[in-house]
Amino acid sequence: MKYAFNSASCPNLTLAEMTEAAQAYGYQGLELRSGTGHRHGAELSASQSVRTELRKHAADSGIELCCLGISNIYSQPENVEAQIDETKSYIKLAHDLEIPYVRVFCGRIPPEGTREVSRHSIIEAFRSLGPYARTHGVTIVAETHDHWSDPRVMADIMREVNDLNVAAAWDVIHTEREGLTGPEAVIDSLGPWIRHVHFHDGLKRLDRLHYAPIGTGEFDQLRIAKALLQAGYEGYVSGEWYNWEPYDIHLPRELAAWKRYVALAMKGGDEDGF
């Protein structure tokens, strides 16, 4: 298992400053959120020379750019073609930066829509995007989020799309908070498609996401760690925190806490082991 953090923790830092923070705090990778004004520079507007510079800096730093997070959704048939076109531009950006995964959302079901219509729209979008991603050496990962937080629902989508370059990103809070599913069931149903993981802790309130330091929230971090280890997951777990504490407070603390749970899970221990 490898460790990264999302640029949402420090949106005002340049890529050079982010890689320095990753090195200082023991992270191996960075997940760059694009299209939201973060200062890292990995945007559609970046010139080819800027893209080359960013790619070279990441390689020289030894910090892997492991995922590009974008906001595109596919649940609304009336604008799905525009969403697909923009996603393709982001796939090209990821290719230029040598980022292997592009994280997308499926999107909420419109108030006037139906689950079946949105589901069909999402599946057709992924079928369109999969071959394009493959030719660029990129894999799309759809996050368990919004109306698609139930891992069984996401697994059904993955099964029907049936494309090796379309996979899933597991957000450990959303599957329980909105999908009402524990971590073992996530692995049982969605495990074969999980290529990226978001880790954090928080409170199970549905008005909005409330973060909490790992181990103090309402999500069982030990169960999550055990589920990932039992699945043999070897990819990145990426810390995702938006508009929370200063990055120099939570980045070192949260990684240290999560690693303690992983170490305890490896020993087969329980919470009394802390």
Protein backbone atom coordinates (compact mmCIF):
# COMPACT_ATOMS: atom_id res chain seq x y z
CA MET A 1 0.00 0.00 0.00
CA LYS A 2 1.30 3.45 -0.96
CA TYR A 3 0.33 6.85 0.44
CA ALA A 4 -0.66 10.11 -1.24
CA PHE A 5 -2.61 13.23 -0.43
CA ASN A 6 -4.98 15.37 -2.45
CA SER A 7 -3.92 18.89 -3.42
CA ALA A 8 -7.14 20.07 -1.72
CA SER A 9 -5.13 20.00 1.52
CA CYS A 10 -2.88 22.78 0.26
CA PRO A 11 -4.49 24.42 -2.79
CA ASN A 12 -2.30 27.52 -2.54
CA LEU A 13 0.98 25.63 -2.88
CA THR A 14 2.83 25.18 -6.16
CA LEU A 15 3.66 21.68 -7.34
CA ALA A 16 7.23 22.14 -6.10
CA GLU A 17 5.95 23.11 -2.66
CA MET A 18 3.54 20.17 -2.61
CA THR A 19 6.26 17.66 -3.46
CA GLU A 20 8.43 19.16 -0.71
CA ALA A 21 5.57 18.67 1.75
CA ALA A 22 5.05 15.09 0.57
CA GLN A 23 8.74 14.35 1.08
CA ALA A 24 8.75 15.96 4.53
CA TYR A 25 5.68 14.10 5.79
CA GLY A 26 6.38 10.65 4.30
CA TYR A 27 3.93 10.51 1.39
CA GLN A 28 4.95 8.79 -1.83
CA GLY A 29 2.43 10.38 -4.18
CA LEU A 30 0.19 13.33 -4.96
CA GLU A 31 -3.38 13.39 -6.22
CA LEU A 32 -3.93 16.63 -8.12
CA ARG A 33 -7.41 18.12 -8.17
CA SER A 34 -7.78 19.92 -11.48
CA GLY A 35 -10.29 22.53 -12.61
CA THR A 36 -10.75 24.14 -9.19
CA GLY A 37 -8.02 26.78 -9.15
CA HIS A 38 -5.30 24.95 -7.23
CA ARG A 39 -1.83 26.41 -7.82
CA HIS A 40 -0.09 23.19 -8.93
CA GLY A 41 -0.57 24.13 -12.59
CA ALA A 42 -1.97 20.82 -13.88
CA GLU A 43 -4.84 22.39 -15.80
CA LEU A 44 -6.30 22.07 -19.28
CA SER A 45 -4.91 25.53 -20.06
CA ALA A 46 -1.33 24.40 -19.38
CA SER A 47 0.89 24.58 -22.46
CA GLN A 48 2.88 21.60 -23.63
CA SER A 49 6.05 23.12 -22.22
CA VAL A 50 4.41 23.61 -18.81
CA ARG A 51 3.16 20.03 -18.87
CA THR A 52 6.67 18.80 -19.63
CA GLU A 53 8.07 20.92 -16.81
CA LEU A 54 5.53 19.59 -14.28
CA ARG A 55 6.14 16.01 -15.35
CA LYS A 56 9.91 16.43 -15.08
CA HIS A 57 9.68 18.07 -11.66
CA ALA A 58 7.56 15.23 -10.28
CA ALA A 59 9.95 12.62 -11.68
CA ASP A 60 12.99 14.42 -10.26
CA SER A 61 11.34 14.78 -6.85
CA GLY A 62 10.56 11.08 -6.54
CA ILE A 63 6.93 11.91 -5.69
CA GLU A 64 4.54 10.17 -8.07
CA LEU A 65 1.59 12.01 -9.57
CA CYS A 66 -0.77 9.11 -8.92
CA CYS A 67 -4.19 10.49 -9.84
CA LEU A 68 -5.85 13.48 -11.52
CA GLY A 69 -9.17 14.37 -9.91
CA ILE A 70 -11.78 16.11 -12.07
CA SER A 71 -15.42 17.13 -11.70
CA ASN A 72 -16.98 15.58 -14.79
CA ILE A 73 -20.26 13.68 -14.42
CA TYR A 74 -22.32 11.56 -16.83
CA SER A 75 -25.72 11.09 -15.19
CA GLN A 76 -27.47 13.83 -17.18
CA PRO A 77 -28.12 12.76 -20.79
CA GLU A 78 -28.72 16.30 -22.02
CA ASN A 79 -25.10 17.36 -21.45
CA VAL A 80 -23.22 14.08 -21.36
CA GLU A 81 -21.50 14.60 -24.72
CA ALA A 82 -19.91 17.83 -23.51
CA GLN A 83 -18.82 16.03 -20.35
CA ILE A 84 -17.26 13.23 -22.39
CA ASP A 85 -15.39 15.70 -24.59
CA GLU A 86 -13.97 17.54 -21.60
CA THR A 87 -13.00 14.27 -19.92
CA LYS A 88 -11.03 13.34 -23.03
CA SER A 89 -9.09 16.60 -22.71
CA TYR A 90 -8.28 15.68 -19.10
CA ILE A 91 -7.21 12.19 -20.17
CA LYS A 92 -4.77 13.84 -22.59
CA LEU A 93 -3.52 16.05 -19.74
CA ALA A 94 -3.00 12.98 -17.53
CA HIS A 95 -1.13 11.28 -20.37
CA ASP A 96 1.15 14.29 -20.80
CA LEU A 97 1.89 14.32 -17.06
CA GLU A 98 2.27 10.52 -16.89
CA ILE A 99 -0.58 10.25 -14.38
CA PRO A 100 -2.09 6.75 -14.57
CA TYR A 101 -5.59 7.47 -13.18
CA VAL A 102 -8.25 10.09 -13.82
CA ARG A 103 -10.84 10.19 -11.03
CA VAL A 104 -14.37 11.11 -12.15
CA PHE A 105 -17.84 11.23 -10.62
CA CYS A 106 -20.92 9.52 -12.00
CA GLY A 107 -23.11 12.45 -10.94
CA ARG A 108 -26.35 12.84 -9.06
CA ILE A 109 -29.63 11.71 -10.60
CA PRO A 110 -31.47 14.88 -11.69
CA PRO A 111 -34.67 15.66 -9.71
CA GLU A 112 -36.77 15.10 -12.82
CA GLY A 113 -34.81 12.02 -13.90
CA THR A 114 -34.74 8.33 -13.01
CA ARG A 115 -31.98 6.05 -11.82
CA GLU A 116 -32.28 3.83 -14.88
CA VAL A 117 -31.92 6.72 -17.35
CA SER A 118 -28.91 8.10 -15.47
CA ARG A 119 -27.38 4.67 -15.18
CA HIS A 120 -27.67 4.09 -18.93
CA SER A 121 -26.12 7.49 -19.61
CA ILE A 122 -23.17 6.71 -17.28
CA ILE A 123 -22.56 3.29 -18.82
CA GLU A 124 -22.60 4.64 -22.37
CA ALA A 125 -20.22 7.44 -21.37
CA PHE A 126 -17.75 4.98 -19.86
CA ARG A 127 -18.01 2.75 -22.92
CA SER A 128 -17.08 5.78 -25.02
CA LEU A 129 -14.25 6.89 -22.75
CA GLY A 130 -12.64 3.51 -22.11
CA PRO A 131 -11.02 3.06 -25.55
CA TYR A 132 -9.80 6.67 -25.56
CA ALA A 133 -8.25 6.22 -22.12
CA ARG A 134 -6.60 2.99 -23.25
CA THR A 135 -4.88 4.64 -26.22
CA HIS A 136 -3.44 7.24 -23.81
CA GLY A 137 -2.27 4.76 -21.16
CA VAL A 138 -4.76 6.06 -18.61
CA THR A 139 -7.48 4.40 -16.54
CA ILE A 140 -10.68 6.19 -15.51
CA VAL A 141 -11.69 5.57 -11.90
CA ALA A 142 -15.28 6.36 -10.94
CA GLU A 143 -15.65 7.36 -7.30
CA THR A 144 -18.21 5.81 -4.97
CA HIS A 145 -20.03 9.09 -4.46
CA ASP A 146 -23.50 10.65 -4.40
CA HIS A 147 -26.21 8.33 -5.74
CA TRP A 148 -23.58 5.75 -6.69
CA SER A 149 -22.04 5.26 -3.24
CA ASP A 150 -23.43 1.74 -2.82
CA PRO A 151 -20.54 -0.48 -3.99
CA ARG A 152 -22.95 -3.07 -5.37
CA VAL A 153 -24.47 -0.45 -7.65
CA MET A 154 -21.02 0.66 -8.80
CA ALA A 155 -19.96 -2.96 -9.33
CA ASP A 156 -22.99 -3.52 -11.57
CA ILE A 157 -21.92 -0.53 -13.67
CA MET A 158 -18.34 -1.81 -13.91
CA ARG A 159 -19.57 -5.26 -14.87
CA GLU A 160 -21.75 -3.89 -17.65
CA VAL A 161 -19.10 -1.50 -19.00
CA ASN A 162 -16.58 -4.36 -18.98
CA ASP A 163 -13.51 -2.29 -19.89
CA LEU A 164 -10.12 -2.72 -18.21
CA ASN A 165 -9.53 1.03 -18.48
CA VAL A 166 -12.67 1.88 -16.52
CA ALA A 167 -12.39 1.08 -12.82
CA ALA A 168 -13.43 2.37 -9.40
CA ALA A 169 -12.14 4.69 -6.69
CA TRP A 170 -13.31 3.75 -3.21
CA ASP A 171 -14.02 6.64 -0.86
CA VAL A 172 -14.12 4.96 2.55
CA ILE A 173 -16.59 7.48 3.99
CA HIS A 174 -19.14 7.67 1.16
CA THR A 175 -19.78 3.92 0.91
CA GLU A 176 -20.84 3.84 4.55
CA ARG A 177 -22.29 7.32 4.97
CA GLU A 178 -24.39 7.31 1.79
CA GLY A 179 -24.05 3.74 0.49
CA LEU A 180 -24.85 2.22 3.92
CA THR A 181 -22.28 -0.52 3.34
CA GLY A 182 -19.39 -1.68 5.55
CA PRO A 183 -15.81 -2.07 4.29
CA GLU A 184 -15.89 -5.86 4.05
CA ALA A 185 -18.93 -5.72 1.77
CA VAL A 186 -17.21 -3.04 -0.33
CA ILE A 187 -14.33 -5.40 -1.00
CA ASP A 188 -16.64 -8.35 -1.60
CA SER A 189 -18.66 -6.55 -4.27
CA LEU A 190 -16.35 -3.90 -5.74
CA GLY A 191 -12.91 -5.26 -4.90
CA PRO A 192 -11.94 -6.45 -8.40
CA TRP A 193 -12.37 -2.92 -9.77
CA ILE A 194 -10.80 -0.79 -7.01
CA ARG A 195 -7.70 1.01 -8.29
CA HIS A 196 -7.62 4.08 -6.01
CA VAL A 197 -8.75 4.78 -2.44
CA HIS A 198 -9.59 7.95 -0.51
CA PHE A 199 -8.97 7.75 3.22
CA HIS A 200 -10.15 10.10 5.98
CA ASP A 201 -12.39 10.04 9.04
CA GLY A 202 -15.45 12.07 9.94
CA LEU A 203 -18.98 12.20 11.26
CA LYS A 204 -22.00 10.48 9.72
CA ARG A 205 -24.07 13.59 9.11
CA LEU A 206 -25.83 13.95 5.78
CA ASP A 207 -26.04 17.75 5.65
CA ARG A 208 -22.38 17.89 4.61
CA LEU A 209 -19.14 16.04 5.22
CA HIS A 210 -17.63 16.75 8.64
CA TYR A 211 -14.00 15.66 8.94
CA ALA A 212 -12.46 14.38 12.16
CA PRO A 213 -8.90 13.27 12.97
CA ILE A 214 -8.43 9.62 12.07
CA GLY A 215 -9.46 7.45 14.99
CA THR A 216 -11.77 10.06 16.53
CA GLY A 217 -14.58 9.95 13.98
CA GLU A 218 -17.42 7.50 13.40
CA PHE A 219 -15.80 5.31 10.73
CA ASP A 220 -14.00 2.13 11.77
CA GLN A 221 -10.49 2.69 10.43
CA LEU A 222 -9.24 -0.70 11.60
CA ARG A 223 -11.97 -2.51 9.65
CA ILE A 224 -11.11 -0.45 6.58
CA ALA A 225 -7.40 -1.26 6.89
CA LYS A 226 -8.13 -4.97 7.41
CA ALA A 227 -10.43 -5.05 4.38
CA LEU A 228 -7.77 -3.50 2.15
CA LEU A 229 -5.06 -5.82 3.41
CA GLN A 230 -7.23 -8.91 3.03
CA ALA A 231 -7.97 -7.83 -0.55
CA GLY A 232 -4.24 -7.56 -1.23
CA TYR A 233 -4.63 -3.94 -2.26
CA GLU A 234 -1.25 -2.50 -3.32
CA GLY A 235 -2.26 0.81 -4.86
CA TYR A 236 -2.46 4.30 -3.40
CA VAL A 237 -4.58 5.35 -0.49
CA SER A 238 -4.94 9.10 -0.83
CA GLY A 239 -5.83 11.45 2.01
CA GLU A 240 -8.64 13.75 0.91
CA TRP A 241 -9.45 16.81 3.00
CA TYR A 242 -11.21 19.93 1.64
CA ASN A 243 -11.33 23.23 3.52
CA TRP A 244 -10.16 21.69 6.76
CA GLU A 245 -7.14 22.48 8.94
CA PRO A 246 -3.80 23.95 7.80
CA TYR A 247 -2.01 21.28 5.79
CA ASP A 248 1.06 21.23 8.04
CA ILE A 249 -1.16 20.14 10.93
CA HIS A 250 -3.26 17.38 9.40
CA LEU A 251 -0.99 15.89 6.72
CA PRO A 252 1.62 14.43 9.11
CA ARG A 253 -0.89 13.56 11.84
CA GLU A 254 -3.42 11.76 9.61
CA LEU A 255 -0.81 9.67 7.82
CA ALA A 256 0.77 8.61 11.10
CA ALA A 257 -2.64 7.63 12.49
CA TRP A 258 -3.62 5.67 9.39
CA LYS A 259 -0.29 3.82 9.36
CA ARG A 260 -0.88 2.77 12.95
CA TYR A 261 -4.19 1.18 11.94
CA VAL A 262 -2.53 -0.57 9.00
CA ALA A 263 0.22 -1.91 11.26
CA LEU A 264 -2.36 -3.14 13.77
CA ALA A 265 -4.41 -4.75 11.01
CA MET A 266 -1.32 -6.57 9.75
CA LYS A 267 -0.87 -8.05 13.21
CA GLY A 268 -4.52 -9.08 13.36
CA GLY A 269 -5.09 -6.88 16.38
CA ASP A 270 -8.04 -4.88 17.63
CA GLU A 271 -8.51 -1.37 19.02
CA ASP A 272 -7.05 -2.48 22.37
CA GLY A 273 -3.73 -2.74 20.56
CA PHE A 274 -3.32 1.06 20.59
